[in-house]
C-alpha atoms as a PDB file:
ATOM      1  CA  MET A   1     -54.304   0.449   4.445  1.00  0.00           C
ATOM      2  CA  LEU A   2     -53.478   3.527   2.393  1.00  0.00           C
ATOM      3  CA  ARG A   3     -52.404   5.263   5.585  1.00  0.00           C
ATOM      4  CA  LEU A   4     -49.897   2.509   6.381  1.00  0.00           C
ATOM      5  CA  ILE A   5     -48.414   2.788   2.902  1.00  0.00           C
ATOM      6  CA  ARG A   6     -48.017   6.551   3.328  1.00  0.00           C
ATOM      7  CA  ILE A   7     -46.305   6.109   6.684  1.00  0.00           C
ATOM      8  CA  PHE A   8     -43.980   3.503   5.178  1.00  0.00           C
ATOM      9  CA  LEU A   9     -43.093   5.764   2.251  1.00  0.00           C
ATOM     10  CA  LEU A  10     -42.480   8.751   4.524  1.00  0.00           C
ATOM     11  CA  ASN A  11     -40.136   6.625   6.616  1.00  0.00           C
ATOM     12  CA  LEU A  12     -38.237   5.639   3.488  1.00  0.00           C
ATOM     13  CA  ILE A  13     -37.963   9.243   2.393  1.00  0.00           C
ATOM     14  CA  PHE A  14     -36.833  10.701   5.725  1.00  0.00           C
ATOM     15  CA  VAL A  15     -35.217   7.919   7.738  1.00  0.00           C
ATOM     16  CA  LEU A  16     -33.048   6.126   5.190  1.00  0.00           C
ATOM     17  CA  PRO A  17     -31.108   9.219   4.048  1.00  0.00           C
ATOM     18  CA  ALA A  18     -30.342  10.058   7.679  1.00  0.00           C
ATOM     19  CA  VAL A  19     -29.094   6.521   8.339  1.00  0.00           C
ATOM     20  CA  ALA A  20     -26.994   6.574   5.167  1.00  0.00           C
ATOM     21  CA  GLN A  21     -25.449   9.917   6.114  1.00  0.00           C
ATOM     22  CA  GLU A  22     -24.648   8.666   9.621  1.00  0.00           C
ATOM     23  CA  THR A  23     -22.991   5.565   8.187  1.00  0.00           C
ATOM     24  CA  GLN A  24     -20.956   7.722   5.815  1.00  0.00           C
ATOM     25  CA  VAL A  25     -19.772   9.968   8.659  1.00  0.00           C
ATOM     26  CA  ASN A  26     -18.865   6.982  10.842  1.00  0.00           C
ATOM     27  CA  SER A  27     -16.869   5.337   8.053  1.00  0.00           C
ATOM     28  CA  ALA A  28     -14.313   8.157   7.867  1.00  0.00           C
ATOM     29  CA  SER A  29     -10.714   7.004   8.213  1.00  0.00           C
ATOM     30  CA  PRO A  30      -8.721   7.855  11.342  1.00  0.00           C
ATOM     31  CA  LEU A  31      -6.554  10.195   9.246  1.00  0.00           C
ATOM     32  CA  GLN A  32      -9.601  11.985   7.863  1.00  0.00           C
ATOM     33  CA  LYS A  33     -11.076  12.419  11.339  1.00  0.00           C
ATOM     34  CA  THR A  34      -7.795  13.788  12.688  1.00  0.00           C
ATOM     35  CA  VAL A  35      -7.312  16.169   9.766  1.00  0.00           C
ATOM     36  CA  GLU A  36     -10.885  17.469  10.032  1.00  0.00           C
ATOM     37  CA  LYS A  37     -10.462  17.971  13.776  1.00  0.00           C
ATOM     38  CA  HIS A  38      -7.195  19.918  13.379  1.00  0.00           C
ATOM     39  CA  ALA A  39      -7.836  21.608  10.008  1.00  0.00           C
ATOM     40  CA  PRO A  40      -7.401  25.219  11.245  1.00  0.00           C
ATOM     41  CA  ASP A  41      -4.102  24.358  12.944  1.00  0.00           C
ATOM     42  CA  ILE A  42      -2.871  22.414   9.909  1.00  0.00           C
ATOM     43  CA  ILE A  43      -3.650  25.368   7.639  1.00  0.00           C
ATOM     44  CA  LYS A  44      -1.732  27.780   9.859  1.00  0.00           C
ATOM     45  CA  GLY A  45       0.755  25.366  11.344  1.00  0.00           C
ATOM     46  CA  SER A  46       3.064  26.767  13.976  1.00  0.00           C
ATOM     47  CA  VAL A  47       5.768  25.508  16.286  1.00  0.00           C
ATOM     48  CA  LYS A  48       3.217  25.297  19.110  1.00  0.00           C
ATOM     49  CA  THR A  49       0.317  23.628  17.288  1.00  0.00           C
ATOM     50  CA  ALA A  50       2.102  21.259  14.898  1.00  0.00           C
ATOM     51  CA  PRO A  51       3.844  18.770  17.270  1.00  0.00           C
ATOM     52  CA  PRO A  52       0.663  17.319  18.850  1.00  0.00           C
ATOM     53  CA  ILE A  53      -0.938  16.983  15.417  1.00  0.00           C
ATOM     54  CA  ILE A  54       2.159  15.309  13.991  1.00  0.00           C
ATOM     55  CA  GLU A  55       2.217  12.898  16.932  1.00  0.00           C
ATOM     56  CA  GLU A  56      -1.456  12.033  16.500  1.00  0.00           C
ATOM     57  CA  ILE A  57      -1.054  11.431  12.758  1.00  0.00           C
ATOM     58  CA  THR A  58       2.117   9.389  13.338  1.00  0.00           C
ATOM     59  CA  GLU A  59       0.212   7.141  15.763  1.00  0.00           C
ATOM     60  CA  ILE A  60      -2.166   6.241  12.912  1.00  0.00           C
ATOM     61  CA  GLY A  61       0.870   4.702  11.269  1.00  0.00           C
ATOM     62  CA  ASP A  62      -0.407   3.849   7.801  1.00  0.00           C
ATOM     63  CA  ALA A  63       1.200   4.882   4.523  1.00  0.00           C
ATOM     64  CA  THR A  64      -1.442   7.501   3.794  1.00  0.00           C
ATOM     65  CA  ALA A  65      -0.792   9.227   7.106  1.00  0.00           C
ATOM     66  CA  MET A  66       2.946   9.275   6.462  1.00  0.00           C
ATOM     67  CA  ARG A  67       2.369  10.664   2.947  1.00  0.00           C
ATOM     68  CA  PHE A  68       0.149  13.392   4.418  1.00  0.00           C
ATOM     69  CA  LEU A  69       2.888  14.365   6.899  1.00  0.00           C
ATOM     70  CA  SER A  70       5.453  14.454   4.112  1.00  0.00           C
ATOM     71  CA  LEU A  71       3.268  16.695   1.942  1.00  0.00           C
ATOM     72  CA  TRP A  72       2.515  18.950   4.911  1.00  0.00           C
ATOM     73  CA  GLN A  73       6.229  19.310   5.661  1.00  0.00           C
ATOM     74  CA  GLU A  74       6.927  20.192   2.024  1.00  0.00           C
ATOM     75  CA  LYS A  75       4.037  22.698   2.081  1.00  0.00           C
ATOM     76  CA  SER A  76       2.526  20.791  -0.827  1.00  0.00           C
ATOM     77  CA  LEU A  77      -1.053  20.650   0.436  1.00  0.00           C
ATOM     78  CA  TRP A  78      -4.048  22.642  -0.727  1.00  0.00           C
ATOM     79  CA  TYR A  79      -7.048  23.086   1.514  1.00  0.00           C
ATOM     80  CA  ARG A  80     -10.498  22.682   0.007  1.00  0.00           C
ATOM     81  CA  LYS A  81     -12.959  24.522   2.226  1.00  0.00           C
ATOM     82  CA  ALA A  82     -16.095  22.985   0.694  1.00  0.00           C
ATOM     83  CA  THR A  83     -15.133  19.462   1.757  1.00  0.00           C
ATOM     84  CA  ILE A  84     -12.870  20.338   4.692  1.00  0.00           C
ATOM     85  CA  GLY A  85     -10.181  18.362   2.951  1.00  0.00           C
ATOM     86  CA  PHE A  86      -6.600  18.667   1.844  1.00  0.00           C
ATOM     87  CA  LEU A  87      -5.295  17.869  -1.609  1.00  0.00           C
ATOM     88  CA  PRO A  88      -1.730  17.431  -2.777  1.00  0.00           C
ATOM     89  CA  SER A  89      -0.360  20.388  -4.689  1.00  0.00           C
ATOM     90  CA  ARG A  90       0.298  19.832  -8.362  1.00  0.00           C
ATOM     91  CA  SER A  91       3.220  22.267  -8.370  1.00  0.00           C
ATOM     92  CA  LYS A  92       5.645  19.506  -7.391  1.00  0.00           C
ATOM     93  CA  VAL A  93       4.622  17.355 -10.361  1.00  0.00           C
ATOM     94  CA  THR A  94       7.105  17.609 -13.184  1.00  0.00           C
ATOM     95  CA  PRO A  95       5.600  17.974 -16.651  1.00  0.00           C
ATOM     96  CA  PRO A  96       6.182  15.136 -19.075  1.00  0.00           C
ATOM     97  CA  THR A  97       8.979  15.674 -21.573  1.00  0.00           C
ATOM     98  CA  THR A  98       8.180  15.294 -25.238  1.00  0.00           C
END
């Protein structure tokens, strides 16, 4: 009986985190998947690499995708290597007037 409890606990410790991580990876948005796939080309965008990426992001068609394209065009994105993600630049934000 004690052996069955150990096996059950080991399964909880090792299997559930793997399932949770897989679910988290699968729940990424289409924009996030596209950006992660093309991150090196987005960072160093060129006339040759940008058009297919722009087309793919445009096909997603939601407001977030369009905002990403706008920020990319304005060169207002920062790349965060640790999370393979892009963040909007704060340089375009105007400070509040007092």
